[in-house]
């Protein structure tokens, strides 16, 4: 991928988080859900197919990624794109369930903004890493980030690898997104005891 293409892709991914996922997540958090969200974009022109957010108050399996996949496969088959033609964008590094679901659904990639460590340390949601450790005996980062099914991309690392001035410009945008999620996290944490999510 050429440098300019990488920069443009990151711009679109950040736009999607800011304009499509965050508004849905604001409503989700107000209803008692976690802060995770996801979106699907066409590889060909980076246009949005759909965006979703966590809906665990309805079903504890409806993580942001799973809820997006649910909505995707509810689309009419004759209008639903092939998953291999799409970019899978997740606001947070997918948990073990979501990693498996992305695989079973036929996607060959995913991009994420926050890491598992961010979920644990910045957002006080340690379940992703705890399940990977307790169930699969994997340490943080222990899953295969590139395999025969898909390749994963850490958006923050992609930004760090850019040359200036793109790196500084996109880092500032990323910092603004992080600040917004910090606000949403505080809202979620302050009310989570009132929801019915098993692992809240």
C-alpha atoms as a PDB file:
ATOM      1  CA  UNK A   1       0.000   0.000   0.000  1.00  0.00           C
ATOM      2  CA  UNK A   2       1.468   3.320  -1.007  1.00  0.00           C
ATOM      3  CA  UNK A   3       1.992   6.009   1.626  1.00  0.00           C
ATOM      4  CA  UNK A   4      -0.671   8.371   0.338  1.00  0.00           C
ATOM      5  CA  UNK A   5      -3.150   5.511   0.096  1.00  0.00           C
ATOM      6  CA  UNK A   6      -2.384   4.541   3.703  1.00  0.00           C
ATOM      7  CA  UNK A   7      -2.920   8.109   4.881  1.00  0.00           C
ATOM      8  CA  UNK A   8      -6.193   8.391   2.969  1.00  0.00           C
ATOM      9  CA  UNK A   9      -7.408   5.074   4.349  1.00  0.00           C
ATOM     10  CA  UNK A  10      -6.663   6.157   7.916  1.00  0.00           C
ATOM     11  CA  UNK A  11      -8.537   9.424   7.298  1.00  0.00           C
ATOM     12  CA  UNK A  12     -11.621   7.485   6.206  1.00  0.00           C
ATOM     13  CA  UNK A  13     -11.394   5.070   9.123  1.00  0.00           C
ATOM     14  CA  UNK A  14     -11.169   7.944  11.606  1.00  0.00           C
ATOM     15  CA  UNK A  15     -14.044   9.729   9.843  1.00  0.00           C
ATOM     16  CA  UNK A  16     -16.120   6.577  10.161  1.00  0.00           C
ATOM     17  CA  UNK A  17     -15.419   6.283  13.870  1.00  0.00           C
ATOM     18  CA  UNK A  18     -16.174   9.973  14.474  1.00  0.00           C
ATOM     19  CA  UNK A  19     -19.250  10.397  12.288  1.00  0.00           C
ATOM     20  CA  UNK A  20     -20.833   6.955  12.126  1.00  0.00           C
ATOM     21  CA  UNK A  21     -19.842   4.829  15.088  1.00  0.00           C
ATOM     22  CA  UNK A  22     -19.571   7.377  17.912  1.00  0.00           C
ATOM     23  CA  UNK A  23     -23.115   8.774  17.431  1.00  0.00           C
ATOM     24  CA  UNK A  24     -24.513   5.244  17.691  1.00  0.00           C
ATOM     25  CA  UNK A  25     -22.296   4.515  20.677  1.00  0.00           C
ATOM     26  CA  UNK A  26     -23.506   7.618  22.484  1.00  0.00           C
ATOM     27  CA  UNK A  27     -27.034   6.219  22.289  1.00  0.00           C
ATOM     28  CA  UNK A  28     -25.837   2.761  23.257  1.00  0.00           C
ATOM     29  CA  UNK A  29     -23.979   3.980  26.321  1.00  0.00           C
ATOM     30  CA  UNK A  30     -27.006   6.039  27.369  1.00  0.00           C
ATOM     31  CA  UNK A  31     -28.965   2.758  27.310  1.00  0.00           C
ATOM     32  CA  UNK A  32     -26.379   1.034  29.508  1.00  0.00           C
ATOM     33  CA  UNK A  33     -24.170  -0.623  26.869  1.00  0.00           C
ATOM     34  CA  UNK A  34     -20.393  -0.717  26.577  1.00  0.00           C
ATOM     35  CA  UNK A  35     -18.410   1.615  24.325  1.00  0.00           C
ATOM     36  CA  UNK A  36     -17.408  -0.824  21.572  1.00  0.00           C
ATOM     37  CA  UNK A  37     -18.488  -0.333  17.964  1.00  0.00           C
ATOM     38  CA  UNK A  38     -17.776  -1.504  14.433  1.00  0.00           C
ATOM     39  CA  UNK A  39     -18.353  -0.637  10.787  1.00  0.00           C
ATOM     40  CA  UNK A  40     -18.058  -2.243   7.371  1.00  0.00           C
ATOM     41  CA  UNK A  41     -16.700  -0.330   4.373  1.00  0.00           C
ATOM     42  CA  UNK A  42     -16.225  -1.286   0.741  1.00  0.00           C
ATOM     43  CA  UNK A  43     -12.599  -1.800  -0.232  1.00  0.00           C
ATOM     44  CA  UNK A  44     -13.289  -0.413  -3.700  1.00  0.00           C
ATOM     45  CA  UNK A  45     -14.310   3.125  -2.730  1.00  0.00           C
ATOM     46  CA  UNK A  46     -14.272   3.134   1.116  1.00  0.00           C
ATOM     47  CA  UNK A  47     -18.004   3.824   1.203  1.00  0.00           C
ATOM     48  CA  UNK A  48     -19.904   2.795   4.308  1.00  0.00           C
ATOM     49  CA  UNK A  49     -22.044  -0.352   4.272  1.00  0.00           C
ATOM     50  CA  UNK A  50     -23.144  -0.104   7.893  1.00  0.00           C
ATOM     51  CA  UNK A  51     -22.053   0.955  11.364  1.00  0.00           C
ATOM     52  CA  UNK A  52     -23.154  -0.482  14.693  1.00  0.00           C
ATOM     53  CA  UNK A  53     -22.434  -0.387  18.393  1.00  0.00           C
ATOM     54  CA  UNK A  54     -22.568  -2.673  21.395  1.00  0.00           C
ATOM     55  CA  UNK A  55     -26.038  -3.880  22.364  1.00  0.00           C
ATOM     56  CA  UNK A  56     -25.300  -6.210  25.282  1.00  0.00           C
ATOM     57  CA  UNK A  57     -28.310  -5.014  27.273  1.00  0.00           C
ATOM     58  CA  UNK A  58     -30.452  -6.844  24.699  1.00  0.00           C
ATOM     59  CA  UNK A  59     -28.163  -9.874  24.395  1.00  0.00           C
ATOM     60  CA  UNK A  60     -24.730 -10.295  26.047  1.00  0.00           C
ATOM     61  CA  UNK A  61     -23.419 -11.678  22.744  1.00  0.00           C
ATOM     62  CA  UNK A  62     -24.151  -8.442  20.868  1.00  0.00           C
ATOM     63  CA  UNK A  63     -20.661  -6.978  21.116  1.00  0.00           C
ATOM     64  CA  UNK A  64     -20.079  -4.124  18.689  1.00  0.00           C
ATOM     65  CA  UNK A  65     -18.557  -6.438  16.091  1.00  0.00           C
ATOM     66  CA  UNK A  66     -21.171  -9.170  16.529  1.00  0.00           C
ATOM     67  CA  UNK A  67     -24.008  -6.663  16.360  1.00  0.00           C
ATOM     68  CA  UNK A  68     -22.547  -5.295  13.117  1.00  0.00           C
ATOM     69  CA  UNK A  69     -22.323  -8.826  11.710  1.00  0.00           C
ATOM     70  CA  UNK A  70     -25.904  -9.519  12.789  1.00  0.00           C
ATOM     71  CA  UNK A  71     -27.110  -6.450  10.900  1.00  0.00           C
ATOM     72  CA  UNK A  72     -24.928  -7.318   7.910  1.00  0.00           C
ATOM     73  CA  UNK A  73     -26.405 -10.797   7.520  1.00  0.00           C
ATOM     74  CA  UNK A  74     -29.911  -9.389   7.929  1.00  0.00           C
ATOM     75  CA  UNK A  75     -29.349  -7.538   4.643  1.00  0.00           C
ATOM     76  CA  UNK A  76     -31.010  -9.044   1.578  1.00  0.00           C
ATOM     77  CA  UNK A  77     -28.666 -11.594   0.059  1.00  0.00           C
ATOM     78  CA  UNK A  78     -28.877 -10.005  -3.404  1.00  0.00           C
ATOM     79  CA  UNK A  79     -27.709  -6.629  -2.047  1.00  0.00           C
ATOM     80  CA  UNK A  80     -25.257  -7.835   0.602  1.00  0.00           C
ATOM     81  CA  UNK A  81     -21.611  -7.487  -0.486  1.00  0.00           C
ATOM     82  CA  UNK A  82     -19.172 -10.366  -0.289  1.00  0.00           C
ATOM     83  CA  UNK A  83     -17.275 -10.030   3.025  1.00  0.00           C
ATOM     84  CA  UNK A  84     -13.990 -10.360   1.109  1.00  0.00           C
ATOM     85  CA  UNK A  85     -14.870  -7.092  -0.640  1.00  0.00           C
ATOM     86  CA  UNK A  86     -15.140  -5.241   2.664  1.00  0.00           C
ATOM     87  CA  UNK A  87     -12.986  -3.657   5.342  1.00  0.00           C
ATOM     88  CA  UNK A  88     -13.959  -4.611   8.884  1.00  0.00           C
ATOM     89  CA  UNK A  89     -13.384  -1.691  11.254  1.00  0.00           C
ATOM     90  CA  UNK A  90     -13.550  -2.168  15.023  1.00  0.00           C
ATOM     91  CA  UNK A  91     -13.130   0.601  17.550  1.00  0.00           C
ATOM     92  CA  UNK A  92     -11.411  -1.852  19.917  1.00  0.00           C
ATOM     93  CA  UNK A  93      -9.252  -4.893  19.278  1.00  0.00           C
ATOM     94  CA  UNK A  94     -11.771  -7.742  18.958  1.00  0.00           C
ATOM     95  CA  UNK A  95     -12.226 -10.200  21.814  1.00  0.00           C
ATOM     96  CA  UNK A  96     -11.887 -13.946  21.280  1.00  0.00           C
ATOM     97  CA  UNK A  97     -15.578 -14.307  20.356  1.00  0.00           C
ATOM     98  CA  UNK A  98     -15.415 -11.480  17.865  1.00  0.00           C
ATOM     99  CA  UNK A  99     -12.140 -12.732  16.377  1.00  0.00           C
ATOM    100  CA  UNK A 100     -13.851 -16.045  15.719  1.00  0.00           C
ATOM    101  CA  UNK A 101     -17.001 -14.422  14.343  1.00  0.00           C
ATOM    102  CA  UNK A 102     -15.032 -12.261  11.908  1.00  0.00           C
ATOM    103  CA  UNK A 103     -13.303 -15.432  10.742  1.00  0.00           C
ATOM    104  CA  UNK A 104     -16.472 -17.516  10.394  1.00  0.00           C
ATOM    105  CA  UNK A 105     -18.198 -14.644   8.549  1.00  0.00           C
ATOM    106  CA  UNK A 106     -15.543 -14.704   5.819  1.00  0.00           C
ATOM    107  CA  UNK A 107     -13.709 -11.408   6.328  1.00  0.00           C
ATOM    108  CA  UNK A 108     -10.033 -11.345   5.363  1.00  0.00           C
ATOM    109  CA  UNK A 109      -9.084  -8.301   7.460  1.00  0.00           C
ATOM    110  CA  UNK A 110      -9.913  -6.098  10.378  1.00  0.00           C
ATOM    111  CA  UNK A 111      -8.654  -2.707  11.571  1.00  0.00           C
ATOM    112  CA  UNK A 112      -8.897  -1.592  15.189  1.00  0.00           C
ATOM    113  CA  UNK A 113      -8.287   1.696  17.010  1.00  0.00           C
ATOM    114  CA  UNK A 114      -7.826   0.733  20.695  1.00  0.00           C
ATOM    115  CA  UNK A 115      -5.852  -2.326  21.836  1.00  0.00           C
ATOM    116  CA  UNK A 116      -6.834  -5.041  24.324  1.00  0.00           C
ATOM    117  CA  UNK A 117      -4.530  -3.311  26.801  1.00  0.00           C
ATOM    118  CA  UNK A 118      -6.417  -0.049  26.249  1.00  0.00           C
ATOM    119  CA  UNK A 119      -9.688  -1.828  26.992  1.00  0.00           C
ATOM    120  CA  UNK A 120      -8.214  -3.133  30.252  1.00  0.00           C
ATOM    121  CA  UNK A 121      -6.218  -0.106  31.380  1.00  0.00           C
ATOM    122  CA  UNK A 122      -7.952   2.972  29.950  1.00  0.00           C
ATOM    123  CA  UNK A 123     -11.526   1.675  29.979  1.00  0.00           C
ATOM    124  CA  UNK A 124     -11.520  -0.735  32.965  1.00  0.00           C
ATOM    125  CA  UNK A 125     -12.882  -3.580  30.830  1.00  0.00           C
ATOM    126  CA  UNK A 126     -10.389  -6.438  31.328  1.00  0.00           C
ATOM    127  CA  UNK A 127     -12.543  -9.303  30.059  1.00  0.00           C
ATOM    128  CA  UNK A 128     -10.928  -9.641  26.603  1.00  0.00           C
ATOM    129  CA  UNK A 129      -7.474 -10.324  28.005  1.00  0.00           C
ATOM    130  CA  UNK A 130      -8.777 -12.337  30.950  1.00  0.00           C
ATOM    131  CA  UNK A 131     -10.717 -14.706  28.665  1.00  0.00           C
ATOM    132  CA  UNK A 132      -7.759 -15.070  26.301  1.00  0.00           C
ATOM    133  CA  UNK A 133      -5.609 -15.989  29.306  1.00  0.00           C
ATOM    134  CA  UNK A 134      -8.032 -18.185  31.256  1.00  0.00           C
ATOM    135  CA  UNK A 135      -9.637 -20.040  28.339  1.00  0.00           C
ATOM    136  CA  UNK A 136      -6.900 -20.073  25.687  1.00  0.00           C
ATOM    137  CA  UNK A 137      -3.777 -19.570  27.878  1.00  0.00           C
ATOM    138  CA  UNK A 138      -2.721 -16.657  25.670  1.00  0.00           C
ATOM    139  CA  UNK A 139      -0.798 -13.676  26.957  1.00  0.00           C
ATOM    140  CA  UNK A 140      -1.618 -10.187  25.581  1.00  0.00           C
ATOM    141  CA  UNK A 141      -0.898 -10.161  21.862  1.00  0.00           C
ATOM    142  CA  UNK A 142      -0.693 -13.947  21.829  1.00  0.00           C
ATOM    143  CA  UNK A 143      -3.077 -14.605  18.972  1.00  0.00           C
ATOM    144  CA  UNK A 144      -1.803 -14.750  15.404  1.00  0.00           C
ATOM    145  CA  UNK A 145      -2.342 -11.247  13.985  1.00  0.00           C
ATOM    146  CA  UNK A 146      -1.787 -12.459  10.410  1.00  0.00           C
ATOM    147  CA  UNK A 147      -2.920 -15.938   9.391  1.00  0.00           C
ATOM    148  CA  UNK A 148      -4.520 -17.867   6.535  1.00  0.00           C
ATOM    149  CA  UNK A 149      -7.916 -16.306   7.320  1.00  0.00           C
ATOM    150  CA  UNK A 150      -7.174 -12.613   7.831  1.00  0.00           C
ATOM    151  CA  UNK A 151      -4.677  -9.886   8.570  1.00  0.00           C
ATOM    152  CA  UNK A 152      -5.221  -7.376  11.359  1.00  0.00           C
ATOM    153  CA  UNK A 153      -4.129  -3.740  11.435  1.00  0.00           C
ATOM    154  CA  UNK A 154      -3.653  -1.491  14.479  1.00  0.00           C
ATOM    155  CA  UNK A 155      -4.672   2.003  13.383  1.00  0.00           C
ATOM    156  CA  UNK A 156      -2.600   3.723  16.058  1.00  0.00           C
ATOM    157  CA  UNK A 157       0.501   1.864  14.841  1.00  0.00           C
ATOM    158  CA  UNK A 158      -0.327   2.749  11.242  1.00  0.00           C
ATOM    159  CA  UNK A 159      -0.415   6.415  12.260  1.00  0.00           C
ATOM    160  CA  UNK A 160       2.886   6.117  14.144  1.00  0.00           C
ATOM    161  CA  UNK A 161       4.531   4.656  11.032  1.00  0.00           C
ATOM    162  CA  UNK A 162       3.527   7.586   8.798  1.00  0.00           C
ATOM    163  CA  UNK A 163       5.994  10.360   7.914  1.00  0.00           C
ATOM    164  CA  UNK A 164       5.370  13.936   8.921  1.00  0.00           C
ATOM    165  CA  UNK A 165       3.237  15.965   8.508  1.00  0.00           C
ATOM    166  CA  UNK A 166       0.634  13.197   8.149  1.00  0.00           C
ATOM    167  CA  UNK A 167       1.688  11.535  11.392  1.00  0.00           C
ATOM    168  CA  UNK A 168       1.187  14.650  13.519  1.00  0.00           C
ATOM    169  CA  UNK A 169      -2.098  15.590  11.845  1.00  0.00           C
ATOM    170  CA  UNK A 170      -3.616  12.133  12.224  1.00  0.00           C
ATOM    171  CA  UNK A 171      -2.206  11.720  15.723  1.00  0.00           C
ATOM    172  CA  UNK A 172      -4.140  14.842  16.759  1.00  0.00           C
ATOM    173  CA  UNK A 173      -7.324  13.409  15.260  1.00  0.00           C
ATOM    174  CA  UNK A 174      -6.703  10.120  17.059  1.00  0.00           C
ATOM    175  CA  UNK A 175      -6.168  11.984  20.338  1.00  0.00           C
ATOM    176  CA  UNK A 176      -9.542  13.709  19.934  1.00  0.00           C
ATOM    177  CA  UNK A 177     -11.227  10.348  19.338  1.00  0.00           C
ATOM    178  CA  UNK A 178      -9.501   8.922  22.416  1.00  0.00           C
ATOM    179  CA  UNK A 179     -10.742  11.852  24.503  1.00  0.00           C
ATOM    180  CA  UNK A 180     -14.312  11.266  23.321  1.00  0.00           C
ATOM    181  CA  UNK A 181     -14.112   7.597  24.229  1.00  0.00           C
ATOM    182  CA  UNK A 182     -12.740   8.538  27.650  1.00  0.00           C
ATOM    183  CA  UNK A 183     -15.924  10.563  28.207  1.00  0.00           C
ATOM    184  CA  UNK A 184     -18.130   7.705  27.032  1.00  0.00           C
ATOM    185  CA  UNK A 185     -16.219   5.270  29.227  1.00  0.00           C
ATOM    186  CA  UNK A 186     -16.727   7.435  32.291  1.00  0.00           C
ATOM    187  CA  UNK A 187     -20.446   7.556  31.527  1.00  0.00           C
ATOM    188  CA  UNK A 188     -20.601   3.776  31.121  1.00  0.00           C
ATOM    189  CA  UNK A 189     -18.591   3.037  34.255  1.00  0.00           C
ATOM    190  CA  UNK A 190     -20.731   5.363  36.365  1.00  0.00           C
ATOM    191  CA  UNK A 191     -23.929   3.497  35.465  1.00  0.00           C
ATOM    192  CA  UNK A 192     -22.822  -0.082  34.695  1.00  0.00           C
ATOM    193  CA  UNK A 193     -24.088  -1.498  37.993  1.00  0.00           C
ATOM    194  CA  UNK A 194     -27.605  -0.758  36.757  1.00  0.00           C
ATOM    195  CA  UNK A 195     -27.377  -2.890  33.607  1.00  0.00           C
ATOM    196  CA  UNK A 196     -27.868  -6.637  33.186  1.00  0.00           C
ATOM    197  CA  UNK A 197     -24.643  -7.430  31.291  1.00  0.00           C
ATOM    198  CA  UNK A 198     -22.989 -10.520  32.882  1.00  0.00           C
ATOM    199  CA  UNK A 199     -19.423  -9.283  32.341  1.00  0.00           C
ATOM    200  CA  UNK A 200     -19.935  -5.563  32.776  1.00  0.00           C
END
